[in-house]
Amino acid sequence: MTKTRISISLEQQQAERIRRHAERAGLDVSAYLVHAATRQMAETEAVEAQFADVDALIAATEAEAARVRPQTEAAVEELTEQERREVEAALGLVYGPDRAGARPGQAA
């Protein structure tokens, strides 16, 4: 297997810390950094895989939202009392209890 050399620059304090950790792990600095980077890449890939469906759903939703023409918001007066309560409940879920009492169309 052909090896490639990568040069990095870091503060002296960071370099010493890495050397100490590598020594405690029984590795040379190069092996220690490769191990650390490989572990980080595996963790990142696992998280990306776990959230791939959610990320795809968000992307699809954002694309759909970009295609939909904005509609004029209904005036508060046009809502029934039940609709107002539903809007208030939804705002409470989204914004928390500080916003829950605000009427649609009012500032928090």
PDB file of N, CA and C in Angstrom:
ATOM      1  N   MET A   1       0.850  -1.177   0.000  1.00  0.00           N
ATOM      2  CA  MET A   1       0.000   0.000   0.000  1.00  0.00           C
ATOM      3  C   MET A   1       0.896   1.242   0.000  1.00  0.00           C
ATOM      4  N   THR A   2       0.616   2.173  -0.891  1.00  0.00           N
ATOM      5  CA  THR A   2       1.375   3.410  -0.965  1.00  0.00           C
ATOM      6  C   THR A   2       0.879   4.364   0.106  1.00  0.00           C
ATOM      7  N   LYS A   3       1.804   4.981   0.800  1.00  0.00           N
ATOM      8  CA  LYS A   3       1.444   5.949   1.839  1.00  0.00           C
ATOM      9  C   LYS A   3       1.658   7.353   1.320  1.00  0.00           C
ATOM     10  N   THR A   4       0.851   8.263   1.802  1.00  0.00           N
ATOM     11  CA  THR A   4       0.941   9.662   1.436  1.00  0.00           C
ATOM     12  C   THR A   4       1.251  10.470   2.683  1.00  0.00           C
ATOM     13  N   ARG A   5       2.122  11.424   2.561  1.00  0.00           N
ATOM     14  CA  ARG A   5       2.477  12.285   3.682  1.00  0.00           C
ATOM     15  C   ARG A   5       1.582  13.519   3.641  1.00  0.00           C
ATOM     16  N   ILE A   6       1.042  13.875   4.799  1.00  0.00           N
ATOM     17  CA  ILE A   6       0.241  15.082   4.953  1.00  0.00           C
ATOM     18  C   ILE A   6       0.936  15.937   6.001  1.00  0.00           C
ATOM     19  N   SER A   7       1.134  17.172   5.688  1.00  0.00           N
ATOM     20  CA  SER A   7       1.772  18.093   6.618  1.00  0.00           C
ATOM     21  C   SER A   7       0.693  18.945   7.272  1.00  0.00           C
ATOM     22  N   ILE A   8       0.775  19.113   8.584  1.00  0.00           N
ATOM     23  CA  ILE A   8      -0.175  19.968   9.286  1.00  0.00           C
ATOM     24  C   ILE A   8       0.602  20.994  10.109  1.00  0.00           C
ATOM     25  N   SER A   9      -0.033  22.099  10.378  1.00  0.00           N
ATOM     26  CA  SER A   9       0.558  23.133  11.227  1.00  0.00           C
ATOM     27  C   SER A   9      -0.328  23.308  12.445  1.00  0.00           C
ATOM     28  N   LEU A  10       0.307  23.394  13.604  1.00  0.00           N
ATOM     29  CA  LEU A  10      -0.447  23.592  14.822  1.00  0.00           C
ATOM     30  C   LEU A  10       0.437  24.264  15.856  1.00  0.00           C
ATOM     31  N   GLU A  11      -0.202  24.760  16.869  1.00  0.00           N
ATOM     32  CA  GLU A  11       0.523  25.421  17.957  1.00  0.00           C
ATOM     33  C   GLU A  11       1.393  24.392  18.682  1.00  0.00           C
ATOM     34  N   GLN A  12       2.517  24.867  19.206  1.00  0.00           N
ATOM     35  CA  GLN A  12       3.438  23.987  19.926  1.00  0.00           C
ATOM     36  C   GLN A  12       2.730  23.279  21.080  1.00  0.00           C
ATOM     37  N   GLN A  13       1.888  23.996  21.781  1.00  0.00           N
ATOM     38  CA  GLN A  13       1.160  23.424  22.917  1.00  0.00           C
ATOM     39  C   GLN A  13       0.252  22.265  22.454  1.00  0.00           C
ATOM     40  N   GLN A  14      -0.409  22.438  21.323  1.00  0.00           N
ATOM     41  CA  GLN A  14      -1.255  21.372  20.782  1.00  0.00           C
ATOM     42  C   GLN A  14      -0.405  20.166  20.392  1.00  0.00           C
ATOM     43  N   ALA A  15       0.728  20.428  19.755  1.00  0.00           N
ATOM     44  CA  ALA A  15       1.609  19.337  19.327  1.00  0.00           C
ATOM     45  C   ALA A  15       2.086  18.527  20.527  1.00  0.00           C
ATOM     46  N   GLU A  16       2.479  19.196  21.591  1.00  0.00           N
ATOM     47  CA  GLU A  16       2.941  18.498  22.801  1.00  0.00           C
ATOM     48  C   GLU A  16       1.810  17.675  23.421  1.00  0.00           C
ATOM     49  N   ARG A  17       0.638  18.229  23.438  1.00  0.00           N
ATOM     50  CA  ARG A  17      -0.508  17.503  23.994  1.00  0.00           C
ATOM     51  C   ARG A  17      -0.796  16.246  23.182  1.00  0.00           C
ATOM     52  N   ILE A  18      -0.759  16.376  21.852  1.00  0.00           N
ATOM     53  CA  ILE A  18      -0.975  15.214  20.985  1.00  0.00           C
ATOM     54  C   ILE A  18       0.109  14.167  21.216  1.00  0.00           C
ATOM     55  N   ARG A  19       1.351  14.606  21.314  1.00  0.00           N
ATOM     56  CA  ARG A  19       2.451  13.659  21.571  1.00  0.00           C
ATOM     57  C   ARG A  19       2.238  12.891  22.877  1.00  0.00           C
ATOM     58  N   ARG A  20       1.819  13.612  23.927  1.00  0.00           N
ATOM     59  CA  ARG A  20       1.578  12.947  25.220  1.00  0.00           C
ATOM     60  C   ARG A  20       0.451  11.916  25.115  1.00  0.00           C
ATOM     61  N   HIS A  21      -0.621  12.290  24.440  1.00  0.00           N
ATOM     62  CA  HIS A  21      -1.749  11.358  24.282  1.00  0.00           C
ATOM     63  C   HIS A  21      -1.349  10.150  23.439  1.00  0.00           C
ATOM     64  N   ALA A  22      -0.600  10.388  22.382  1.00  0.00           N
ATOM     65  CA  ALA A  22      -0.138   9.290  21.535  1.00  0.00           C
ATOM     66  C   ALA A  22       0.737   8.337  22.344  1.00  0.00           C
ATOM     67  N   GLU A  23       1.622   8.905  23.135  1.00  0.00           N
ATOM     68  CA  GLU A  23       2.515   8.083  23.967  1.00  0.00           C
ATOM     69  C   GLU A  23       1.708   7.243  24.949  1.00  0.00           C
ATOM     70  N   ARG A  24       0.732   7.839  25.608  1.00  0.00           N
ATOM     71  CA  ARG A  24      -0.110   7.090  26.558  1.00  0.00           C
ATOM     72  C   ARG A  24      -0.874   5.974  25.857  1.00  0.00           C
ATOM     73  N   ALA A  25      -1.226   6.183  24.590  1.00  0.00           N
ATOM     74  CA  ALA A  25      -1.956   5.168  23.819  1.00  0.00           C
ATOM     75  C   ALA A  25      -1.012   4.123  23.228  1.00  0.00           C
ATOM     76  N   GLY A  26       0.289   4.335  23.377  1.00  0.00           N
ATOM     77  CA  GLY A  26       1.251   3.384  22.832  1.00  0.00           C
ATOM     78  C   GLY A  26       1.402   3.494  21.326  1.00  0.00           C
ATOM     79  N   LEU A  27       1.149   4.675  20.787  1.00  0.00           N
ATOM     80  CA  LEU A  27       1.221   4.885  19.343  1.00  0.00           C
ATOM     81  C   LEU A  27       2.190   6.021  19.030  1.00  0.00           C
ATOM     82  N   ASP A  28       2.718   6.000  17.799  1.00  0.00           N
ATOM     83  CA  ASP A  28       3.463   7.185  17.384  1.00  0.00           C
ATOM     84  C   ASP A  28       2.441   8.247  16.985  1.00  0.00           C
ATOM     85  N   VAL A  29       2.886   9.471  16.843  1.00  0.00           N
ATOM     86  CA  VAL A  29       1.968  10.580  16.563  1.00  0.00           C
ATOM     87  C   VAL A  29       1.186  10.347  15.277  1.00  0.00           C
ATOM     88  N   SER A  30       1.844   9.867  14.251  1.00  0.00           N
ATOM     89  CA  SER A  30       1.173   9.632  12.979  1.00  0.00           C
ATOM     90  C   SER A  30       0.037   8.623  13.135  1.00  0.00           C
ATOM     91  N   ALA A  31       0.321   7.488  13.767  1.00  0.00           N
ATOM     92  CA  ALA A  31      -0.708   6.463  13.966  1.00  0.00           C
ATOM     93  C   ALA A  31      -1.838   6.987  14.846  1.00  0.00           C
ATOM     94  N   TYR A  32      -1.479   7.766  15.857  1.00  0.00           N
ATOM     95  CA  TYR A  32      -2.485   8.327  16.760  1.00  0.00           C
ATOM     96  C   TYR A  32      -3.430   9.258  16.001  1.00  0.00           C
ATOM     97  N   LEU A  33      -2.864  10.146  15.178  1.00  0.00           N
ATOM     98  CA  LEU A  33      -3.698  11.082  14.421  1.00  0.00           C
ATOM     99  C   LEU A  33      -4.557  10.360  13.389  1.00  0.00           C
ATOM    100  N   VAL A  34      -4.006   9.344  12.733  1.00  0.00           N
ATOM    101  CA  VAL A  34      -4.793   8.570  11.766  1.00  0.00           C
ATOM    102  C   VAL A  34      -5.949   7.876  12.483  1.00  0.00           C
ATOM    103  N   HIS A  35      -5.663   7.297  13.650  1.00  0.00           N
ATOM    104  CA  HIS A  35      -6.709   6.621  14.427  1.00  0.00           C
ATOM    105  C   HIS A  35      -7.802   7.621  14.833  1.00  0.00           C
ATOM    106  N   ALA A  36      -7.386   8.790  15.337  1.00  0.00           N
ATOM    107  CA  ALA A  36      -8.353   9.796  15.776  1.00  0.00           C
ATOM    108  C   ALA A  36      -9.200  10.290  14.606  1.00  0.00           C
ATOM    109  N   ALA A  37      -8.572  10.555  13.483  1.00  0.00           N
ATOM    110  CA  ALA A  37      -9.306  11.036  12.314  1.00  0.00           C
ATOM    111  C   ALA A  37     -10.255   9.963  11.786  1.00  0.00           C
ATOM    112  N   THR A  38      -9.789   8.728  11.743  1.00  0.00           N
ATOM    113  CA  THR A  38     -10.623   7.626  11.255  1.00  0.00           C
ATOM    114  C   THR A  38     -11.844   7.434  12.149  1.00  0.00           C
ATOM    115  N   ARG A  39     -11.631   7.506  13.464  1.00  0.00           N
ATOM    116  CA  ARG A  39     -12.751   7.376  14.404  1.00  0.00           C
ATOM    117  C   ARG A  39     -13.739   8.520  14.212  1.00  0.00           C
ATOM    118  N   GLN A  40     -13.241   9.743  14.049  1.00  0.00           N
ATOM    119  CA  GLN A  40     -14.121  10.891  13.844  1.00  0.00           C
ATOM    120  C   GLN A  40     -14.913  10.758  12.549  1.00  0.00           C
ATOM    121  N   MET A  41     -14.267  10.297  11.490  1.00  0.00           N
ATOM    122  CA  MET A  41     -14.971  10.109  10.219  1.00  0.00           C
ATOM    123  C   MET A  41     -16.066   9.057  10.358  1.00  0.00           C
ATOM    124  N   ALA A  42     -15.789   7.966  11.074  1.00  0.00           N
ATOM    125  CA  ALA A  42     -16.796   6.918  11.272  1.00  0.00           C
ATOM    126  C   ALA A  42     -17.990   7.463  12.053  1.00  0.00           C
ATOM    127  N   GLU A  43     -17.719   8.261  13.090  1.00  0.00           N
ATOM    128  CA  GLU A  43     -18.812   8.853  13.876  1.00  0.00           C
ATOM    129  C   GLU A  43     -19.650   9.793  13.009  1.00  0.00           C
ATOM    130  N   THR A  44     -18.989  10.631  12.217  1.00  0.00           N
ATOM    131  CA  THR A  44     -19.694  11.566  11.346  1.00  0.00           C
ATOM    132  C   THR A  44     -20.549  10.819  10.330  1.00  0.00           C
ATOM    133  N   GLU A  45     -19.985   9.791   9.716  1.00  0.00           N
ATOM    134  CA  GLU A  45     -20.732   9.007   8.732  1.00  0.00           C
ATOM    135  C   GLU A  45     -21.929   8.308   9.378  1.00  0.00           C
ATOM    136  N   ALA A  46     -21.771   7.824  10.606  1.00  0.00           N
ATOM    137  CA  ALA A  46     -22.882   7.169  11.302  1.00  0.00           C
ATOM    138  C   ALA A  46     -24.005   8.157  11.582  1.00  0.00           C
ATOM    139  N   VAL A  47     -23.663   9.365  12.017  1.00  0.00           N
ATOM    140  CA  VAL A  47     -24.674  10.390  12.280  1.00  0.00           C
ATOM    141  C   VAL A  47     -25.366  10.787  10.977  1.00  0.00           C
ATOM    142  N   GLU A  48     -24.581  10.981   9.916  1.00  0.00           N
ATOM    143  CA  GLU A  48     -25.171  11.339   8.628  1.00  0.00           C
ATOM    144  C   GLU A  48     -26.125  10.246   8.138  1.00  0.00           C
ATOM    145  N   ALA A  49     -25.745   8.991   8.309  1.00  0.00           N
ATOM    146  CA  ALA A  49     -26.608   7.884   7.888  1.00  0.00           C
ATOM    147  C   ALA A  49     -27.884   7.851   8.719  1.00  0.00           C
ATOM    148  N   GLN A  50     -27.744   8.105  10.026  1.00  0.00           N
ATOM    149  CA  GLN A  50     -28.903   8.065  10.910  1.00  0.00           C
ATOM    150  C   GLN A  50     -29.914   9.152  10.555  1.00  0.00           C
ATOM    151  N   PHE A  51     -29.427  10.309  10.123  1.00  0.00           N
ATOM    152  CA  PHE A  51     -30.312  11.422   9.834  1.00  0.00           C
ATOM    153  C   PHE A  51     -30.559  11.626   8.344  1.00  0.00           C
ATOM    154  N   ALA A  52     -30.118  10.705   7.506  1.00  0.00           N
ATOM    155  CA  ALA A  52     -30.269  10.860   6.054  1.00  0.00           C
ATOM    156  C   ALA A  52     -31.734  11.009   5.650  1.00  0.00           C
ATOM    157  N   ASP A  53     -32.622  10.213   6.241  1.00  0.00           N
ATOM    158  CA  ASP A  53     -34.047  10.309   5.889  1.00  0.00           C
ATOM    159  C   ASP A  53     -34.619  11.665   6.290  1.00  0.00           C
ATOM    160  N   VAL A  54     -34.233  12.145   7.467  1.00  0.00           N
ATOM    161  CA  VAL A  54     -34.724  13.443   7.935  1.00  0.00           C
ATOM    162  C   VAL A  54     -34.176  14.554   7.044  1.00  0.00           C
ATOM    163  N   ASP A  55     -32.882  14.477   6.721  1.00  0.00           N
ATOM    164  CA  ASP A  55     -32.286  15.487   5.837  1.00  0.00           C
ATOM    165  C   ASP A  55     -32.963  15.494   4.475  1.00  0.00           C
ATOM    166  N   ALA A  56     -33.275  14.326   3.944  1.00  0.00           N
ATOM    167  CA  ALA A  56     -33.954  14.242   2.649  1.00  0.00           C
ATOM    168  C   ALA A  56     -35.357  14.839   2.740  1.00  0.00           C
ATOM    169  N   LEU A  57     -36.052  14.564   3.823  1.00  0.00           N
ATOM    170  CA  LEU A  57     -37.389  15.123   4.021  1.00  0.00           C
ATOM    171  C   LEU A  57     -37.334  16.641   4.123  1.00  0.00           C
ATOM    172  N   ILE A  58     -36.365  17.163   4.849  1.00  0.00           N
ATOM    173  CA  ILE A  58     -36.213  18.616   4.965  1.00  0.00           C
ATOM    174  C   ILE A  58     -35.922  19.223   3.598  1.00  0.00           C
ATOM    175  N   ALA A  59     -35.013  18.613   2.844  1.00  0.00           N
ATOM    176  CA  ALA A  59     -34.668  19.129   1.514  1.00  0.00           C
ATOM    177  C   ALA A  59     -35.886  19.113   0.598  1.00  0.00           C
ATOM    178  N   ALA A  60     -36.662  18.033   0.636  1.00  0.00           N
ATOM    179  CA  ALA A  60     -37.854  17.945  -0.204  1.00  0.00           C
ATOM    180  C   ALA A  60     -38.891  18.987   0.210  1.00  0.00           C
ATOM    181  N   THR A  61     -39.043  19.190   1.499  1.00  0.00           N
ATOM    182  CA  THR A  61     -40.001  20.169   1.998  1.00  0.00           C
ATOM    183  C   THR A  61     -39.580  21.582   1.617  1.00  0.00           C
ATOM    184  N   GLU A  62     -38.284  21.873   1.737  1.00  0.00           N
ATOM    185  CA  GLU A  62     -37.798  23.192   1.348  1.00  0.00           C
ATOM    186  C   GLU A  62     -37.969  23.423  -0.149  1.00  0.00           C
ATOM    187  N   ALA A  63     -37.732  22.398  -0.947  1.00  0.00           N
ATOM    188  CA  ALA A  63     -37.914  22.522  -2.400  1.00  0.00           C
ATOM    189  C   ALA A  63     -39.381  22.766  -2.722  1.00  0.00           C
ATOM    190  N   GLU A  64     -40.267  22.046  -2.051  1.00  0.00           N
ATOM    191  CA  GLU A  64     -41.704  22.233  -2.271  1.00  0.00           C
ATOM    192  C   GLU A  64     -42.132  23.629  -1.844  1.00  0.00           C
ATOM    193  N   ALA A  65     -41.618  24.091  -0.720  1.00  0.00           N
ATOM    194  CA  ALA A  65     -41.962  25.433  -0.236  1.00  0.00           C
ATOM    195  C   ALA A  65     -41.500  26.499  -1.218  1.00  0.00           C
ATOM    196  N   ALA A  66     -40.378  26.277  -1.865  1.00  0.00           N
ATOM    197  CA  ALA A  66     -39.875  27.245  -2.849  1.00  0.00           C
ATOM    198  C   ALA A  66     -40.766  27.293  -4.083  1.00  0.00           C
ATOM    199  N   ARG A  67     -41.419  26.176  -4.395  1.00  0.00           N
ATOM    200  CA  ARG A  67     -42.296  26.123  -5.572  1.00  0.00           C
ATOM    201  C   ARG A  67     -43.683  26.693  -5.299  1.00  0.00           C
ATOM    202  N   VAL A  68     -44.105  26.662  -4.061  1.00  0.00           N
ATOM    203  CA  VAL A  68     -45.457  27.100  -3.709  1.00  0.00           C
ATOM    204  C   VAL A  68     -45.479  28.622  -3.602  1.00  0.00           C
ATOM    205  N   ARG A  69     -46.455  29.208  -4.261  1.00  0.00           N
ATOM    206  CA  ARG A  69     -46.605  30.651  -4.192  1.00  0.00           C
ATOM    207  C   ARG A  69     -47.163  31.030  -2.832  1.00  0.00           C
ATOM    208  N   PRO A  70     -46.586  32.015  -2.169  1.00  0.00           N
ATOM    209  CA  PRO A  70     -47.106  32.406  -0.849  1.00  0.00           C
ATOM    210  C   PRO A  70     -48.551  32.861  -0.950  1.00  0.00           C
ATOM    211  N   GLN A  71     -49.333  32.446   0.013  1.00  0.00           N
ATOM    212  CA  GLN A  71     -50.731  32.864   0.049  1.00  0.00           C
ATOM    213  C   GLN A  71     -50.874  34.006   1.036  1.00  0.00           C
ATOM    214  N   THR A  72     -51.853  34.827   0.811  1.00  0.00           N
ATOM    215  CA  THR A  72     -52.124  35.913   1.739  1.00  0.00           C
ATOM    216  C   THR A  72     -52.628  35.302   3.037  1.00  0.00           C
ATOM    217  N   GLU A  73     -52.053  35.774   4.140  1.00  0.00           N
ATOM    218  CA  GLU A  73     -52.491  35.251   5.441  1.00  0.00           C
ATOM    219  C   GLU A  73     -53.901  35.731   5.733  1.00  0.00           C
ATOM    220  N   ALA A  74     -54.659  34.849   6.354  1.00  0.00           N
ATOM    221  CA  ALA A  74     -56.023  35.215   6.748  1.00  0.00           C
ATOM    222  C   ALA A  74     -55.962  36.241   7.872  1.00  0.00           C
ATOM    223  N   ALA A  75     -56.821  37.193   7.818  1.00  0.00           N
ATOM    224  CA  ALA A  75     -56.900  38.174   8.898  1.00  0.00           C
ATOM    225  C   ALA A  75     -57.443  37.483  10.142  1.00  0.00           C
ATOM    226  N   VAL A  76     -56.971  37.929  11.293  1.00  0.00           N
ATOM    227  CA  VAL A  76     -57.399  37.330  12.560  1.00  0.00           C
ATOM    228  C   VAL A  76     -58.910  37.363  12.678  1.00  0.00           C
ATOM    229  N   GLU A  77     -59.505  38.428  12.190  1.00  0.00           N
ATOM    230  CA  GLU A  77     -60.964  38.564  12.293  1.00  0.00           C
ATOM    231  C   GLU A  77     -61.693  37.489  11.487  1.00  0.00           C
ATOM    232  N   GLU A  78     -61.041  36.919  10.474  1.00  0.00           N
ATOM    233  CA  GLU A  78     -61.683  35.912   9.640  1.00  0.00           C
ATOM    234  C   GLU A  78     -61.682  34.527  10.284  1.00  0.00           C
ATOM    235  N   LEU A  79     -60.944  34.354  11.359  1.00  0.00           N
ATOM    236  CA  LEU A  79     -60.853  33.046  12.013  1.00  0.00           C
ATOM    237  C   LEU A  79     -62.015  32.855  12.976  1.00  0.00           C
ATOM    238  N   THR A  80     -62.466  31.601  13.055  1.00  0.00           N
ATOM    239  CA  THR A  80     -63.464  31.283  14.073  1.00  0.00           C
ATOM    240  C   THR A  80     -62.752  31.198  15.415  1.00  0.00           C
ATOM    241  N   GLU A  81     -63.520  31.190  16.485  1.00  0.00           N
ATOM    242  CA  GLU A  81     -62.910  31.081  17.820  1.00  0.00           C
ATOM    243  C   GLU A  81     -62.137  29.767  17.950  1.00  0.00           C
ATOM    244  N   GLN A  82     -62.663  28.694  17.399  1.00  0.00           N
ATOM    245  CA  GLN A  82     -61.968  27.398  17.438  1.00  0.00           C
ATOM    246  C   GLN A  82     -60.643  27.487  16.681  1.00  0.00           C
ATOM    247  N   GLU A  83     -60.664  28.129  15.513  1.00  0.00           N
ATOM    248  CA  GLU A  83     -59.434  28.287  14.742  1.00  0.00           C
ATOM    249  C   GLU A  83     -58.412  29.126  15.499  1.00  0.00           C
ATOM    250  N   ARG A  84     -58.857  30.156  16.181  1.00  0.00           N
ATOM    251  CA  ARG A  84     -57.952  30.984  16.982  1.00  0.00           C
ATOM    252  C   ARG A  84     -57.303  30.155  18.092  1.00  0.00           C
ATOM    253  N   ARG A  85     -58.107  29.333  18.769  1.00  0.00           N
ATOM    254  CA  ARG A  85     -57.552  28.482  19.837  1.00  0.00           C
ATOM    255  C   ARG A  85     -56.526  27.511  19.275  1.00  0.00           C
ATOM    256  N   GLU A  86     -56.817  26.959  18.102  1.00  0.00           N
ATOM    257  CA  GLU A  86     -55.873  26.029  17.466  1.00  0.00           C
ATOM    258  C   GLU A  86     -54.566  26.729  17.091  1.00  0.00           C
ATOM    259  N   VAL A  87     -54.681  27.953  16.580  1.00  0.00           N
ATOM    260  CA  VAL A  87     -53.483  28.721  16.238  1.00  0.00           C
ATOM    261  C   VAL A  87     -52.688  29.025  17.502  1.00  0.00           C
ATOM    262  N   GLU A  88     -53.372  29.435  18.557  1.00  0.00           N
ATOM    263  CA  GLU A  88     -52.686  29.733  19.821  1.00  0.00           C
ATOM    264  C   GLU A  88     -51.980  28.487  20.358  1.00  0.00           C
ATOM    265  N   ALA A  89     -52.636  27.343  20.272  1.00  0.00           N
ATOM    266  CA  ALA A  89     -52.020  26.097  20.746  1.00  0.00           C
ATOM    267  C   ALA A  89     -50.779  25.769  19.912  1.00  0.00           C
ATOM    268  N   ALA A  90     -50.879  25.958  18.597  1.00  0.00           N
ATOM    269  CA  ALA A  90     -49.729  25.689  17.725  1.00  0.00           C
ATOM    270  C   ALA A  90     -48.579  26.645  18.037  1.00  0.00           C
ATOM    271  N   LEU A  91     -48.896  27.921  18.236  1.00  0.00           N
ATOM    272  CA  LEU A  91     -47.856  28.892  18.584  1.00  0.00           C
ATOM    273  C   LEU A  91     -47.208  28.539  19.917  1.00  0.00           C
ATOM    274  N   GLY A  92     -48.007  28.049  20.841  1.00  0.00           N
ATOM    275  CA  GLY A  92     -47.457  27.623  22.131  1.00  0.00           C
ATOM    276  C   GLY A  92     -46.480  26.486  21.980  1.00  0.00           C
ATOM    277  N   LEU A  93     -46.778  25.549  21.080  1.00  0.00           N
ATOM    278  CA  LEU A  93     -45.861  24.440  20.836  1.00  0.00           C
ATOM    279  C   LEU A  93     -44.567  24.912  20.178  1.00  0.00           C
ATOM    280  N   VAL A  94     -44.707  25.853  19.262  1.00  0.00           N
ATOM    281  CA  VAL A  94     -43.540  26.324  18.513  1.00  0.00           C
ATOM    282  C   VAL A  94     -42.697  27.284  19.338  1.00  0.00           C
ATOM    283  N   TYR A  95     -43.337  28.278  19.953  1.00  0.00           N
ATOM    284  CA  TYR A  95     -42.605  29.349  20.614  1.00  0.00           C
ATOM    285  C   TYR A  95     -42.513  29.214  22.128  1.00  0.00           C
ATOM    286  N   GLY A  96     -43.234  28.282  22.698  1.00  0.00           N
ATOM    287  CA  GLY A  96     -43.188  28.105  24.144  1.00  0.00           C
ATOM    288  C   GLY A  96     -44.238  28.945  24.846  1.00  0.00           C
ATOM    289  N   PRO A  97     -44.276  28.830  26.164  1.00  0.00           N
ATOM    290  CA  PRO A  97     -45.348  29.467  26.930  1.00  0.00           C
ATOM    291  C   PRO A  97     -45.347  30.989  26.860  1.00  0.00           C
ATOM    292  N   ASP A  98     -44.201  31.627  26.597  1.00  0.00           N
ATOM    293  CA  ASP A  98     -44.183  33.087  26.522  1.00  0.00           C
ATOM    294  C   ASP A  98     -45.013  33.598  25.348  1.00  0.00           C
ATOM    295  N   ARG A  99     -45.092  32.826  24.287  1.00  0.00           N
ATOM    296  CA  ARG A  99     -45.821  33.239  23.075  1.00  0.00           C
ATOM    297  C   ARG A  99     -47.232  32.671  23.057  1.00  0.00           C
ATOM    298  N   ALA A 100     -47.518  31.675  23.913  1.00  0.00           N
ATOM    299  CA  ALA A 100     -48.770  30.945  23.828  1.00  0.00           C
ATOM    300  C   ALA A 100     -50.001  31.845  23.964  1.00  0.00           C
ATOM    301  N   GLY A 101     -49.913  32.922  24.754  1.00  0.00           N
ATOM    302  CA  GLY A 101     -51.078  33.776  24.977  1.00  0.00           C
ATOM    303  C   GLY A 101     -51.284  34.831  23.922  1.00  0.00           C
ATOM    304  N   ALA A 102     -50.361  34.993  23.009  1.00  0.00           N
ATOM    305  CA  ALA A 102     -50.477  36.028  21.978  1.00  0.00           C
ATOM    306  C   ALA A 102     -51.481  35.610  20.923  1.00  0.00           C
ATOM    307  N   ARG A 103     -52.232  36.551  20.469  1.00  0.00           N
ATOM    308  CA  ARG A 103     -53.191  36.288  19.389  1.00  0.00           C
ATOM    309  C   ARG A 103     -52.472  36.307  18.066  1.00  0.00           C
ATOM    310  N   PRO A 104     -52.936  35.511  17.105  1.00  0.00           N
ATOM    311  CA  PRO A 104     -52.345  35.562  15.762  1.00  0.00           C
ATOM    312  C   PRO A 104     -52.370  37.002  15.257  1.00  0.00           C
ATOM    313  N   GLY A 105     -51.267  37.437  14.691  1.00  0.00           N
ATOM    314  CA  GLY A 105     -51.179  38.790  14.186  1.00  0.00           C
ATOM    315  C   GLY A 105     -50.657  39.797  15.200  1.00  0.00           C
ATOM    316  N   GLN A 106     -50.490  39.373  16.467  1.00  0.00           N
ATOM    317  CA  GLN A 106     -49.950  40.242  17.494  1.00  0.00           C
ATOM    318  C   GLN A 106     -48.483  39.910  17.723  1.00  0.00           C
ATOM    319  N   ALA A 107     -47.735  40.897  18.176  1.00  0.00           N
ATOM    320  CA  ALA A 107     -46.344  40.646  18.543  1.00  0.00           C
ATOM    321  C   ALA A 107     -46.317  39.910  19.877  1.00  0.00           C
ATOM    322  N   ALA A 108     -45.276  39.127  20.079  1.00  0.00           N
ATOM    323  CA  ALA A 108     -45.143  38.370  21.335  1.00  0.00           C
ATOM    324  C   ALA A 108     -44.829  39.297  22.483  1.00  0.00           C
TER     325      ALA A 108
END
